[in-house]
Amino acid sequence: MRLPRFSNSSRFYYEDQPVRDGKTIVSSGNTFELGFFSLGNSKNRYLGIWYKNVSICTVVWVANRDIPNTIKLGMFKVSSDGNLEIFNGGDTMVWSSNSTVSGRINNPAVGVQLLDSGNL
């Protein structure tokens, strides 16, 4: 599996702030990392969560396993309605989490944070 060679990462991303292929989100204790990766020599790019500091890379979650990006220009972002969305490098969305945000009126900011439990 090929993971990003460097960690150009942040801890938290807000709605409509794109995270491009090559950047990652890392949990506060550096236990997990979220980003795009490829398997072996494949050009397919998947968005997933993996253990960050282990000798054998272990992916624990993959978002777009059935619809991989085929170029390294993809990005993901959180939409204003709370969905995690993956784009293929252009304006075409190829995957969405189809989630909902509760309490939106009391908390107008929507974003994601990768926890040390591996939950996003």
PDB file of N, CA and C in Angstrom:
ATOM      1  N   MET A   1       0.844  -1.165   0.000  1.00  0.00           N
ATOM      2  CA  MET A   1       0.000   0.000   0.000  1.00  0.00           C
ATOM      3  C   MET A   1       0.891   1.230   0.000  1.00  0.00           C
ATOM      4  N   ARG A   2       0.517   2.232  -0.785  1.00  0.00           N
ATOM      5  CA  ARG A   2       1.265   3.481  -0.832  1.00  0.00           C
ATOM      6  C   ARG A   2       0.489   4.566  -0.101  1.00  0.00           C
ATOM      7  N   LEU A   3       1.072   5.056   0.958  1.00  0.00           N
ATOM      8  CA  LEU A   3       0.478   6.137   1.738  1.00  0.00           C
ATOM      9  C   LEU A   3       1.228   7.417   1.408  1.00  0.00           C
ATOM     10  N   PRO A   4       0.719   8.573   1.805  1.00  0.00           N
ATOM     11  CA  PRO A   4       1.446   9.814   1.548  1.00  0.00           C
ATOM     12  C   PRO A   4       2.844   9.742   2.142  1.00  0.00           C
ATOM     13  N   ARG A   5       3.860  10.210   1.387  1.00  0.00           N
ATOM     14  CA  ARG A   5       5.247  10.158   1.856  1.00  0.00           C
ATOM     15  C   ARG A   5       5.511  11.143   2.988  1.00  0.00           C
ATOM     16  N   PHE A   6       4.782  12.215   3.002  1.00  0.00           N
ATOM     17  CA  PHE A   6       4.914  13.197   4.071  1.00  0.00           C
ATOM     18  C   PHE A   6       3.535  13.488   4.598  1.00  0.00           C
ATOM     19  N   SER A   7       3.480  13.936   5.812  1.00  0.00           N
ATOM     20  CA  SER A   7       2.178  14.222   6.402  1.00  0.00           C
ATOM     21  C   SER A   7       1.960  15.724   6.429  1.00  0.00           C
ATOM     22  N   ASN A   8       1.317  16.224   5.421  1.00  0.00           N
ATOM     23  CA  ASN A   8       0.922  17.624   5.370  1.00  0.00           C
ATOM     24  C   ASN A   8      -0.477  17.657   5.963  1.00  0.00           C
ATOM     25  N   SER A   9      -0.532  17.636   7.292  1.00  0.00           N
ATOM     26  CA  SER A   9      -1.807  17.334   7.941  1.00  0.00           C
ATOM     27  C   SER A   9      -2.295  18.456   8.843  1.00  0.00           C
ATOM     28  N   SER A  10      -3.558  18.309   9.204  1.00  0.00           N
ATOM     29  CA  SER A  10      -4.206  19.195  10.145  1.00  0.00           C
ATOM     30  C   SER A  10      -5.025  18.321  11.085  1.00  0.00           C
ATOM     31  N   ARG A  11      -5.536  18.887  12.161  1.00  0.00           N
ATOM     32  CA  ARG A  11      -6.320  18.126  13.123  1.00  0.00           C
ATOM     33  C   ARG A  11      -7.823  18.227  12.893  1.00  0.00           C
ATOM     34  N   PHE A  12      -8.276  19.303  12.244  1.00  0.00           N
ATOM     35  CA  PHE A  12      -9.712  19.541  12.102  1.00  0.00           C
ATOM     36  C   PHE A  12      -9.971  20.273  10.795  1.00  0.00           C
ATOM     37  N   TYR A  13     -11.013  19.875  10.087  1.00  0.00           N
ATOM     38  CA  TYR A  13     -11.407  20.545   8.852  1.00  0.00           C
ATOM     39  C   TYR A  13     -12.864  20.954   8.929  1.00  0.00           C
ATOM     40  N   TYR A  14     -13.143  22.168   8.467  1.00  0.00           N
ATOM     41  CA  TYR A  14     -14.500  22.705   8.485  1.00  0.00           C
ATOM     42  C   TYR A  14     -15.162  22.520   7.125  1.00  0.00           C
ATOM     43  N   GLU A  15     -16.486  22.755   7.103  1.00  0.00           N
ATOM     44  CA  GLU A  15     -17.261  22.591   5.879  1.00  0.00           C
ATOM     45  C   GLU A  15     -16.657  23.364   4.717  1.00  0.00           C
ATOM     46  N   ASP A  16     -16.737  22.745   3.558  1.00  0.00           N
ATOM     47  CA  ASP A  16     -16.283  23.319   2.288  1.00  0.00           C
ATOM     48  C   ASP A  16     -14.804  23.683   2.259  1.00  0.00           C
ATOM     49  N   GLN A  17     -14.006  23.157   3.179  1.00  0.00           N
ATOM     50  CA  GLN A  17     -12.555  23.324   3.154  1.00  0.00           C
ATOM     51  C   GLN A  17     -11.983  22.050   2.531  1.00  0.00           C
ATOM     52  N   PRO A  18     -11.585  22.072   1.253  1.00  0.00           N
ATOM     53  CA  PRO A  18     -11.163  20.842   0.597  1.00  0.00           C
ATOM     54  C   PRO A  18      -9.831  20.315   1.137  1.00  0.00           C
ATOM     55  N   VAL A  19      -9.727  18.999   1.188  1.00  0.00           N
ATOM     56  CA  VAL A  19      -8.483  18.328   1.543  1.00  0.00           C
ATOM     57  C   VAL A  19      -8.054  17.563   0.295  1.00  0.00           C
ATOM     58  N   ARG A  20      -6.988  18.000  -0.321  1.00  0.00           N
ATOM     59  CA  ARG A  20      -6.541  17.419  -1.586  1.00  0.00           C
ATOM     60  C   ARG A  20      -5.701  16.173  -1.356  1.00  0.00           C
ATOM     61  N   ASP A  21      -5.674  15.320  -2.353  1.00  0.00           N
ATOM     62  CA  ASP A  21      -4.860  14.111  -2.318  1.00  0.00           C
ATOM     63  C   ASP A  21      -3.420  14.494  -1.988  1.00  0.00           C
ATOM     64  N   GLY A  22      -2.838  13.851  -0.994  1.00  0.00           N
ATOM     65  CA  GLY A  22      -1.492  14.174  -0.519  1.00  0.00           C
ATOM     66  C   GLY A  22      -1.508  14.827   0.850  1.00  0.00           C
ATOM     67  N   LYS A  23      -2.646  15.402   1.234  1.00  0.00           N
ATOM     68  CA  LYS A  23      -2.813  15.947   2.582  1.00  0.00           C
ATOM     69  C   LYS A  23      -3.598  14.944   3.405  1.00  0.00           C
ATOM     70  N   THR A  24      -3.422  15.003   4.721  1.00  0.00           N
ATOM     71  CA  THR A  24      -4.117  14.063   5.597  1.00  0.00           C
ATOM     72  C   THR A  24      -4.640  14.765   6.835  1.00  0.00           C
ATOM     73  N   ILE A  25      -5.542  14.095   7.530  1.00  0.00           N
ATOM     74  CA  ILE A  25      -5.992  14.508   8.857  1.00  0.00           C
ATOM     75  C   ILE A  25      -5.447  13.467   9.826  1.00  0.00           C
ATOM     76  N   VAL A  26      -4.813  13.920  10.898  1.00  0.00           N
ATOM     77  CA  VAL A  26      -4.193  13.033  11.877  1.00  0.00           C
ATOM     78  C   VAL A  26      -4.869  13.222  13.225  1.00  0.00           C
ATOM     79  N   SER A  27      -5.120  12.120  13.932  1.00  0.00           N
ATOM     80  CA  SER A  27      -5.720  12.221  15.274  1.00  0.00           C
ATOM     81  C   SER A  27      -4.739  12.898  16.219  1.00  0.00           C
ATOM     82  N   SER A  28      -5.242  13.478  17.296  1.00  0.00           N
ATOM     83  CA  SER A  28      -4.416  14.293  18.195  1.00  0.00           C
ATOM     84  C   SER A  28      -3.261  13.514  18.819  1.00  0.00           C
ATOM     85  N   GLY A  29      -3.427  12.231  19.050  1.00  0.00           N
ATOM     86  CA  GLY A  29      -2.356  11.418  19.618  1.00  0.00           C
ATOM     87  C   GLY A  29      -1.519  10.707  18.567  1.00  0.00           C
ATOM     88  N   ASN A  30      -1.675  11.086  17.292  1.00  0.00           N
ATOM     89  CA  ASN A  30      -0.960  10.472  16.168  1.00  0.00           C
ATOM     90  C   ASN A  30      -1.207   8.975  16.046  1.00  0.00           C
ATOM     91  N   THR A  31      -2.407   8.527  16.425  1.00  0.00           N
ATOM     92  CA  THR A  31      -2.745   7.106  16.350  1.00  0.00           C
ATOM     93  C   THR A  31      -3.296   6.746  14.980  1.00  0.00           C
ATOM     94  N   PHE A  32      -4.154   7.593  14.413  1.00  0.00           N
ATOM     95  CA  PHE A  32      -4.799   7.326  13.130  1.00  0.00           C
ATOM     96  C   PHE A  32      -4.562   8.469  12.159  1.00  0.00           C
ATOM     97  N   GLU A  33      -4.677   8.137  10.876  1.00  0.00           N
ATOM     98  CA  GLU A  33      -4.517   9.125   9.814  1.00  0.00           C
ATOM     99  C   GLU A  33      -5.577   8.874   8.753  1.00  0.00           C
ATOM    100  N   LEU A  34      -6.155   9.946   8.215  1.00  0.00           N
ATOM    101  CA  LEU A  34      -7.169   9.888   7.169  1.00  0.00           C
ATOM    102  C   LEU A  34      -6.620  10.567   5.932  1.00  0.00           C
ATOM    103  N   GLY A  35      -6.726   9.902   4.798  1.00  0.00           N
ATOM    104  CA  GLY A  35      -6.271  10.492   3.547  1.00  0.00           C
ATOM    105  C   GLY A  35      -6.463   9.527   2.399  1.00  0.00           C
ATOM    106  N   PHE A  36      -5.914   9.886   1.243  1.00  0.00           N
ATOM    107  CA  PHE A  36      -5.973   9.022   0.067  1.00  0.00           C
ATOM    108  C   PHE A  36      -4.778   8.078   0.056  1.00  0.00           C
ATOM    109  N   PHE A  37      -4.983   6.871  -0.448  1.00  0.00           N
ATOM    110  CA  PHE A  37      -3.908   5.892  -0.580  1.00  0.00           C
ATOM    111  C   PHE A  37      -4.188   5.000  -1.780  1.00  0.00           C
ATOM    112  N   SER A  38      -3.159   4.252  -2.198  1.00  0.00           N
ATOM    113  CA  SER A  38      -3.280   3.260  -3.266  1.00  0.00           C
ATOM    114  C   SER A  38      -2.810   1.917  -2.741  1.00  0.00           C
ATOM    115  N   LEU A  39      -3.309   0.848  -3.335  1.00  0.00           N
ATOM    116  CA  LEU A  39      -2.880  -0.505  -2.988  1.00  0.00           C
ATOM    117  C   LEU A  39      -1.859  -0.989  -4.015  1.00  0.00           C
ATOM    118  N   GLY A  40      -0.702  -1.439  -3.547  1.00  0.00           N
ATOM    119  CA  GLY A  40       0.332  -1.952  -4.448  1.00  0.00           C
ATOM    120  C   GLY A  40       0.706  -0.946  -5.511  1.00  0.00           C
ATOM    121  N   ASN A  41       0.751  -1.411  -6.759  1.00  0.00           N
ATOM    122  CA  ASN A  41       1.099  -0.539  -7.888  1.00  0.00           C
ATOM    123  C   ASN A  41      -0.124   0.037  -8.582  1.00  0.00           C
ATOM    124  N   SER A  42      -1.293  -0.134  -7.989  1.00  0.00           N
ATOM    125  CA  SER A  42      -2.528   0.360  -8.580  1.00  0.00           C
ATOM    126  C   SER A  42      -2.539   1.885  -8.635  1.00  0.00           C
ATOM    127  N   LYS A  43      -3.163   2.413  -9.672  1.00  0.00           N
ATOM    128  CA  LYS A  43      -3.350   3.865  -9.768  1.00  0.00           C
ATOM    129  C   LYS A  43      -4.643   4.295  -9.105  1.00  0.00           C
ATOM    130  N   ASN A  44      -5.453   3.343  -8.652  1.00  0.00           N
ATOM    131  CA  ASN A  44      -6.694   3.664  -7.958  1.00  0.00           C
ATOM    132  C   ASN A  44      -6.384   4.324  -6.622  1.00  0.00           C
ATOM    133  N   ARG A  45      -7.149   5.364  -6.304  1.00  0.00           N
ATOM    134  CA  ARG A  45      -6.949   6.116  -5.067  1.00  0.00           C
ATOM    135  C   ARG A  45      -8.195   5.968  -4.201  1.00  0.00           C
ATOM    136  N   TYR A  46      -7.976   5.605  -2.953  1.00  0.00           N
ATOM    137  CA  TYR A  46      -9.054   5.392  -2.001  1.00  0.00           C
ATOM    138  C   TYR A  46      -8.898   6.362  -0.835  1.00  0.00           C
ATOM    139  N   LEU A  47     -10.014   6.777  -0.269  1.00  0.00           N
ATOM    140  CA  LEU A  47      -9.995   7.585   0.944  1.00  0.00           C
ATOM    141  C   LEU A  47     -10.198   6.632   2.110  1.00  0.00           C
ATOM    142  N   GLY A  48      -9.269   6.645   3.057  1.00  0.00           N
ATOM    143  CA  GLY A  48      -9.381   5.711   4.161  1.00  0.00           C
ATOM    144  C   GLY A  48      -8.735   6.221   5.434  1.00  0.00           C
ATOM    145  N   ILE A  49      -8.917   5.435   6.479  1.00  0.00           N
ATOM    146  CA  ILE A  49      -8.297   5.685   7.782  1.00  0.00           C
ATOM    147  C   ILE A  49      -7.386   4.501   8.067  1.00  0.00           C
ATOM    148  N   TRP A  50      -6.163   4.782   8.507  1.00  0.00           N
ATOM    149  CA  TRP A  50      -5.214   3.731   8.835  1.00  0.00           C
ATOM    150  C   TRP A  50      -4.473   4.082  10.123  1.00  0.00           C
ATOM    151  N   TYR A  51      -3.885   3.048  10.752  1.00  0.00           N
ATOM    152  CA  TYR A  51      -3.022   3.287  11.905  1.00  0.00           C
ATOM    153  C   TYR A  51      -1.793   4.030  11.411  1.00  0.00           C
ATOM    154  N   LYS A  52      -1.412   5.079  12.106  1.00  0.00           N
ATOM    155  CA  LYS A  52      -0.320   5.928  11.642  1.00  0.00           C
ATOM    156  C   LYS A  52       1.058   5.371  11.958  1.00  0.00           C
ATOM    157  N   ASN A  53       1.281   4.879  13.148  1.00  0.00           N
ATOM    158  CA  ASN A  53       2.639   4.502  13.568  1.00  0.00           C
ATOM    159  C   ASN A  53       2.752   3.020  13.878  1.00  0.00           C
ATOM    160  N   VAL A  54       2.538   2.182  12.878  1.00  0.00           N
ATOM    161  CA  VAL A  54       2.726   0.737  13.035  1.00  0.00           C
ATOM    162  C   VAL A  54       3.634   0.250  11.910  1.00  0.00           C
ATOM    163  N   SER A  55       4.350  -0.845  12.146  1.00  0.00           N
ATOM    164  CA  SER A  55       5.310  -1.323  11.149  1.00  0.00           C
ATOM    165  C   SER A  55       4.625  -1.880   9.898  1.00  0.00           C
ATOM    166  N   ILE A  56       3.491  -2.540  10.054  1.00  0.00           N
ATOM    167  CA  ILE A  56       2.729  -3.029   8.907  1.00  0.00           C
ATOM    168  C   ILE A  56       1.471  -2.182   8.808  1.00  0.00           C
ATOM    169  N   CYS A  57       1.354  -1.444   7.722  1.00  0.00           N
ATOM    170  CA  CYS A  57       0.228  -0.525   7.577  1.00  0.00           C
ATOM    171  C   CYS A  57      -1.094  -1.284   7.598  1.00  0.00           C
ATOM    172  N   THR A  58      -2.003  -0.817   8.438  1.00  0.00           N
ATOM    173  CA  THR A  58      -3.314  -1.444   8.582  1.00  0.00           C
ATOM    174  C   THR A  58      -4.402  -0.406   8.352  1.00  0.00           C
ATOM    175  N   VAL A  59      -5.144  -0.581   7.265  1.00  0.00           N
ATOM    176  CA  VAL A  59      -6.273   0.296   6.958  1.00  0.00           C
ATOM    177  C   VAL A  59      -7.483  -0.220   7.719  1.00  0.00           C
ATOM    178  N   VAL A  60      -8.182   0.678   8.411  1.00  0.00           N
ATOM    179  CA  VAL A  60      -9.332   0.264   9.220  1.00  0.00           C
ATOM    180  C   VAL A  60     -10.673   0.694   8.619  1.00  0.00           C
ATOM    181  N   TRP A  61     -10.659   1.594   7.633  1.00  0.00           N
ATOM    182  CA  TRP A  61     -11.902   2.053   7.013  1.00  0.00           C
ATOM    183  C   TRP A  61     -11.584   2.614   5.632  1.00  0.00           C
ATOM    184  N   VAL A  62     -12.437   2.315   4.661  1.00  0.00           N
ATOM    185  CA  VAL A  62     -12.310   2.845   3.305  1.00  0.00           C
ATOM    186  C   VAL A  62     -13.661   3.396   2.873  1.00  0.00           C
ATOM    187  N   ALA A  63     -13.672   4.627   2.409  1.00  0.00           N
ATOM    188  CA  ALA A  63     -14.925   5.271   2.011  1.00  0.00           C
ATOM    189  C   ALA A  63     -15.385   4.819   0.636  1.00  0.00           C
ATOM    190  N   ASN A  64     -14.540   4.912  -0.337  1.00  0.00           N
ATOM    191  CA  ASN A  64     -14.935   4.742  -1.741  1.00  0.00           C
ATOM    192  C   ASN A  64     -14.389   3.449  -2.336  1.00  0.00           C
ATOM    193  N   ARG A  65     -14.500   2.362  -1.623  1.00  0.00           N
ATOM    194  CA  ARG A  65     -13.916   1.093  -2.093  1.00  0.00           C
ATOM    195  C   ARG A  65     -14.490   0.632  -3.425  1.00  0.00           C
ATOM    196  N   ASP A  66     -15.746   0.953  -3.725  1.00  0.00           N
ATOM    197  CA  ASP A  66     -16.375   0.532  -4.979  1.00  0.00           C
ATOM    198  C   ASP A  66     -16.191   1.538  -6.105  1.00  0.00           C
ATOM    199  N   ILE A  67     -15.793   2.772  -5.771  1.00  0.00           N
ATOM    200  CA  ILE A  67     -15.642   3.828  -6.777  1.00  0.00           C
ATOM    201  C   ILE A  67     -14.334   4.583  -6.515  1.00  0.00           C
ATOM    202  N   PRO A  68     -13.177   3.979  -6.807  1.00  0.00           N
ATOM    203  CA  PRO A  68     -11.917   4.677  -6.544  1.00  0.00           C
ATOM    204  C   PRO A  68     -11.672   5.809  -7.532  1.00  0.00           C
ATOM    205  N   ASN A  69     -10.916   6.795  -7.087  1.00  0.00           N
ATOM    206  CA  ASN A  69     -10.429   7.813  -8.008  1.00  0.00           C
ATOM    207  C   ASN A  69      -9.325   7.171  -8.824  1.00  0.00           C
ATOM    208  N   THR A  70      -9.227   7.526 -10.086  1.00  0.00           N
ATOM    209  CA  THR A  70      -8.218   6.928 -10.943  1.00  0.00           C
ATOM    210  C   THR A  70      -7.054   7.876 -11.222  1.00  0.00           C
ATOM    211  N   ILE A  71      -7.126   9.071 -10.691  1.00  0.00           N
ATOM    212  CA  ILE A  71      -6.031  10.029 -10.827  1.00  0.00           C
ATOM    213  C   ILE A  71      -5.725  10.618  -9.457  1.00  0.00           C
ATOM    214  N   LYS A  72      -4.536  11.148  -9.303  1.00  0.00           N
ATOM    215  CA  LYS A  72      -4.103  11.671  -8.007  1.00  0.00           C
ATOM    216  C   LYS A  72      -4.471  13.140  -7.843  1.00  0.00           C
ATOM    217  N   LEU A  73      -5.620  13.513  -8.338  1.00  0.00           N
ATOM    218  CA  LEU A  73      -6.078  14.899  -8.232  1.00  0.00           C
ATOM    219  C   LEU A  73      -7.347  14.998  -7.396  1.00  0.00           C
ATOM    220  N   GLY A  74      -7.716  13.927  -6.718  1.00  0.00           N
ATOM    221  CA  GLY A  74      -8.947  13.918  -5.947  1.00  0.00           C
ATOM    222  C   GLY A  74      -8.880  14.795  -4.712  1.00  0.00           C
ATOM    223  N   MET A  75     -10.032  14.997  -4.127  1.00  0.00           N
ATOM    224  CA  MET A  75     -10.124  15.749  -2.877  1.00  0.00           C
ATOM    225  C   MET A  75     -11.364  15.294  -2.139  1.00  0.00           C
ATOM    226  N   PHE A  76     -11.392  15.583  -0.838  1.00  0.00           N
ATOM    227  CA  PHE A  76     -12.606  15.357  -0.068  1.00  0.00           C
ATOM    228  C   PHE A  76     -12.874  16.593   0.758  1.00  0.00           C
ATOM    229  N   LYS A  77     -14.129  16.748   1.129  1.00  0.00           N
ATOM    230  CA  LYS A  77     -14.517  17.884   1.960  1.00  0.00           C
ATOM    231  C   LYS A  77     -15.784  17.524   2.711  1.00  0.00           C
ATOM    232  N   VAL A  78     -16.103  18.340   3.698  1.00  0.00           N
ATOM    233  CA  VAL A  78     -17.352  18.215   4.429  1.00  0.00           C
ATOM    234  C   VAL A  78     -18.282  19.286   3.889  1.00  0.00           C
ATOM    235  N   SER A  79     -19.452  18.873   3.457  1.00  0.00           N
ATOM    236  CA  SER A  79     -20.416  19.827   2.913  1.00  0.00           C
ATOM    237  C   SER A  79     -21.139  20.541   4.055  1.00  0.00           C
ATOM    238  N   SER A  80     -21.863  21.575   3.719  1.00  0.00           N
ATOM    239  CA  SER A  80     -22.576  22.352   4.735  1.00  0.00           C
ATOM    240  C   SER A  80     -23.683  21.545   5.411  1.00  0.00           C
ATOM    241  N   ASP A  81     -24.117  20.436   4.779  1.00  0.00           N
ATOM    242  CA  ASP A  81     -25.133  19.599   5.413  1.00  0.00           C
ATOM    243  C   ASP A  81     -24.524  18.425   6.186  1.00  0.00           C
ATOM    244  N   GLY A  82     -23.183  18.425   6.338  1.00  0.00           N
ATOM    245  CA  GLY A  82     -22.517  17.432   7.171  1.00  0.00           C
ATOM    246  C   GLY A  82     -22.047  16.179   6.479  1.00  0.00           C
ATOM    247  N   ASN A  83     -22.140  16.120   5.165  1.00  0.00           N
ATOM    248  CA  ASN A  83     -21.693  14.937   4.432  1.00  0.00           C
ATOM    249  C   ASN A  83     -20.213  15.017   4.094  1.00  0.00           C
ATOM    250  N   LEU A  84     -19.533  13.893   4.224  1.00  0.00           N
ATOM    251  CA  LEU A  84     -18.177  13.758   3.713  1.00  0.00           C
ATOM    252  C   LEU A  84     -18.319  13.431   2.234  1.00  0.00           C
ATOM    253  N   GLU A  85     -17.677  14.222   1.369  1.00  0.00           N
ATOM    254  CA  GLU A  85     -17.818  14.060  -0.073  1.00  0.00           C
ATOM    255  C   GLU A  85     -16.448  13.902  -0.722  1.00  0.00           C
ATOM    256  N   ILE A  86     -16.370  12.986  -1.699  1.00  0.00           N
ATOM    257  CA  ILE A  86     -15.136  12.760  -2.444  1.00  0.00           C
ATOM    258  C   ILE A  86     -15.362  13.199  -3.883  1.00  0.00           C
ATOM    259  N   PHE A  87     -14.399  13.969  -4.421  1.00  0.00           N
ATOM    260  CA  PHE A  87     -14.452  14.459  -5.792  1.00  0.00           C
ATOM    261  C   PHE A  87     -13.287  13.872  -6.576  1.00  0.00           C
ATOM    262  N   ASN A  88     -13.465  13.733  -7.880  1.00  0.00           N
ATOM    263  CA  ASN A  88     -12.475  13.068  -8.719  1.00  0.00           C
ATOM    264  C   ASN A  88     -11.405  13.991  -9.276  1.00  0.00           C
ATOM    265  N   GLY A  89     -11.240  15.145  -8.748  1.00  0.00           N
ATOM    266  CA  GLY A  89     -10.252  16.084  -9.255  1.00  0.00           C
ATOM    267  C   GLY A  89     -10.892  17.252  -9.967  1.00  0.00           C
ATOM    268  N   GLY A  90     -12.145  17.108 -10.293  1.00  0.00           N
ATOM    269  CA  GLY A  90     -12.911  18.190 -10.900  1.00  0.00           C
ATOM    270  C   GLY A  90     -14.087  18.506 -10.003  1.00  0.00           C
ATOM    271  N   ASP A  91     -15.185  18.819 -10.612  1.00  0.00           N
ATOM    272  CA  ASP A  91     -16.391  19.132  -9.856  1.00  0.00           C
ATOM    273  C   ASP A  91     -17.325  17.932  -9.713  1.00  0.00           C
ATOM    274  N   THR A  92     -16.881  16.759 -10.136  1.00  0.00           N
ATOM    275  CA  THR A  92     -17.736  15.581 -10.097  1.00  0.00           C
ATOM    276  C   THR A  92     -17.583  14.844  -8.776  1.00  0.00           C
ATOM    277  N   MET A  93     -18.669  14.780  -7.999  1.00  0.00           N
ATOM    278  CA  MET A  93     -18.650  14.044  -6.746  1.00  0.00           C
ATOM    279  C   MET A  93     -18.811  12.563  -7.071  1.00  0.00           C
ATOM    280  N   VAL A  94     -17.920  11.723  -6.512  1.00  0.00           N
ATOM    281  CA  VAL A  94     -17.975  10.289  -6.791  1.00  0.00           C
ATOM    282  C   VAL A  94     -18.451   9.479  -5.592  1.00  0.00           C
ATOM    283  N   TRP A  95     -18.491  10.097  -4.407  1.00  0.00           N
ATOM    284  CA  TRP A  95     -18.940   9.380  -3.204  1.00  0.00           C
ATOM    285  C   TRP A  95     -19.395  10.395  -2.166  1.00  0.00           C
ATOM    286  N   SER A  96     -20.409  10.025  -1.378  1.00  0.00           N
ATOM    287  CA  SER A  96     -20.896  10.856  -0.279  1.00  0.00           C
ATOM    288  C   SER A  96     -21.319   9.955   0.868  1.00  0.00           C
ATOM    289  N   SER A  97     -21.130  10.429   2.093  1.00  0.00           N
ATOM    290  CA  SER A  97     -21.488   9.640   3.267  1.00  0.00           C
ATOM    291  C   SER A  97     -22.999   9.619   3.517  1.00  0.00           C
ATOM    292  N   ASN A  98     -23.745  10.546   2.928  1.00  0.00           N
ATOM    293  CA  ASN A  98     -25.198  10.634   3.110  1.00  0.00           C
ATOM    294  C   ASN A  98     -25.604  10.692   4.579  1.00  0.00           C
ATOM    295  N   SER A  99     -24.876  11.452   5.368  1.00  0.00           N
ATOM    296  CA  SER A  99     -25.200  11.605   6.790  1.00  0.00           C
ATOM    297  C   SER A  99     -25.993  12.888   7.006  1.00  0.00           C
ATOM    298  N   THR A 100     -26.467  13.075   8.225  1.00  0.00           N
ATOM    299  CA  THR A 100     -27.176  14.299   8.577  1.00  0.00           C
ATOM    300  C   THR A 100     -26.560  14.888   9.830  1.00  0.00           C
ATOM    301  N   VAL A 101     -26.697  16.183   9.971  1.00  0.00           N
ATOM    302  CA  VAL A 101     -26.171  16.881  11.142  1.00  0.00           C
ATOM    303  C   VAL A 101     -27.336  17.240  12.042  1.00  0.00           C
ATOM    304  N   SER A 102     -27.280  16.810  13.294  1.00  0.00           N
ATOM    305  CA  SER A 102     -28.333  17.183  14.234  1.00  0.00           C
ATOM    306  C   SER A 102     -27.899  18.421  15.000  1.00  0.00           C
ATOM    307  N   GLY A 103     -28.845  19.228  15.394  1.00  0.00           N
ATOM    308  CA  GLY A 103     -28.536  20.425  16.166  1.00  0.00           C
ATOM    309  C   GLY A 103     -27.877  21.514  15.355  1.00  0.00           C
ATOM    310  N   ARG A 104     -28.101  21.530  14.066  1.00  0.00           N
ATOM    311  CA  ARG A 104     -27.463  22.509  13.171  1.00  0.00           C
ATOM    312  C   ARG A 104     -27.787  23.948  13.572  1.00  0.00           C
ATOM    313  N   ILE A 105     -28.972  24.212  14.086  1.00  0.00           N
ATOM    314  CA  ILE A 105     -29.346  25.580  14.441  1.00  0.00           C
ATOM    315  C   ILE A 105     -28.498  26.089  15.599  1.00  0.00           C
ATOM    316  N   ASN A 106     -28.217  25.244  16.582  1.00  0.00           N
ATOM    317  CA  ASN A 106     -27.425  25.654  17.739  1.00  0.00           C
ATOM    318  C   ASN A 106     -25.927  25.635  17.481  1.00  0.00           C
ATOM    319  N   ASN A 107     -25.481  24.893  16.472  1.00  0.00           N
ATOM    320  CA  ASN A 107     -24.064  24.780  16.162  1.00  0.00           C
ATOM    321  C   ASN A 107     -23.874  24.989  14.666  1.00  0.00           C
ATOM    322  N   PRO A 108     -23.693  26.237  14.228  1.00  0.00           N
ATOM    323  CA  PRO A 108     -23.664  26.511  12.800  1.00  0.00           C
ATOM    324  C   PRO A 108     -22.420  25.992  12.080  1.00  0.00           C
ATOM    325  N   ALA A 109     -21.331  25.694  12.778  1.00  0.00           N
ATOM    326  CA  ALA A 109     -20.120  25.199  12.130  1.00  0.00           C
ATOM    327  C   ALA A 109     -20.185  23.682  11.983  1.00  0.00           C
ATOM    328  N   VAL A 110     -19.859  23.194  10.797  1.00  0.00           N
ATOM    329  CA  VAL A 110     -19.814  21.767  10.525  1.00  0.00           C
ATOM    330  C   VAL A 110     -18.380  21.429  10.139  1.00  0.00           C
ATOM    331  N   GLY A 111     -17.864  20.327  10.666  1.00  0.00           N
ATOM    332  CA  GLY A 111     -16.508  19.924  10.333  1.00  0.00           C
ATOM    333  C   GLY A 111     -16.257  18.495  10.742  1.00  0.00           C
ATOM    334  N   VAL A 112     -15.029  18.033  10.506  1.00  0.00           N
ATOM    335  CA  VAL A 112     -14.633  16.683  10.911  1.00  0.00           C
ATOM    336  C   VAL A 112     -13.345  16.733  11.714  1.00  0.00           C
ATOM    337  N   GLN A 113     -13.248  15.786  12.624  1.00  0.00           N
ATOM    338  CA  GLN A 113     -12.041  15.607  13.413  1.00  0.00           C
ATOM    339  C   GLN A 113     -11.825  14.105  13.545  1.00  0.00           C
ATOM    340  N   LEU A 114     -10.616  13.657  13.320  1.00  0.00           N
ATOM    341  CA  LEU A 114     -10.279  12.255  13.474  1.00  0.00           C
ATOM    342  C   LEU A 114      -9.853  12.022  14.914  1.00  0.00           C
ATOM    343  N   LEU A 115     -10.591  11.154  15.630  1.00  0.00           N
ATOM    344  CA  LEU A 115     -10.317  10.894  17.035  1.00  0.00           C
ATOM    345  C   LEU A 115      -9.298   9.761  17.197  1.00  0.00           C
ATOM    346  N   ASP A 116      -8.674   9.671  18.353  1.00  0.00           N
ATOM    347  CA  ASP A 116      -7.719   8.610  18.634  1.00  0.00           C
ATOM    348  C   ASP A 116      -8.363   7.232  18.724  1.00  0.00           C
ATOM    349  N   SER A 117      -9.696   7.177  18.723  1.00  0.00           N
ATOM    350  CA  SER A 117     -10.405   5.901  18.656  1.00  0.00           C
ATOM    351  C   SER A 117     -10.520   5.406  17.222  1.00  0.00           C
ATOM    352  N   GLY A 118     -10.187   6.257  16.256  1.00  0.00           N
ATOM    353  CA  GLY A 118     -10.337   5.927  14.843  1.00  0.00           C
ATOM    354  C   GLY A 118     -11.637   6.429  14.265  1.00  0.00           C
ATOM    355  N   ASN A 119     -12.514   6.971  15.102  1.00  0.00           N
ATOM    356  CA  ASN A 119     -13.783   7.525  14.617  1.00  0.00           C
ATOM    357  C   ASN A 119     -13.560   8.888  14.007  1.00  0.00           C
ATOM    358  N   LEU A 120     -14.321   9.153  12.939  1.00  0.00           N
ATOM    359  CA  LEU A 120     -14.244  10.436  12.255  1.00  0.00           C
ATOM    360  C   LEU A 120     -15.450  11.266  12.643  1.00  0.00           C
TER     361      LEU A 120
END
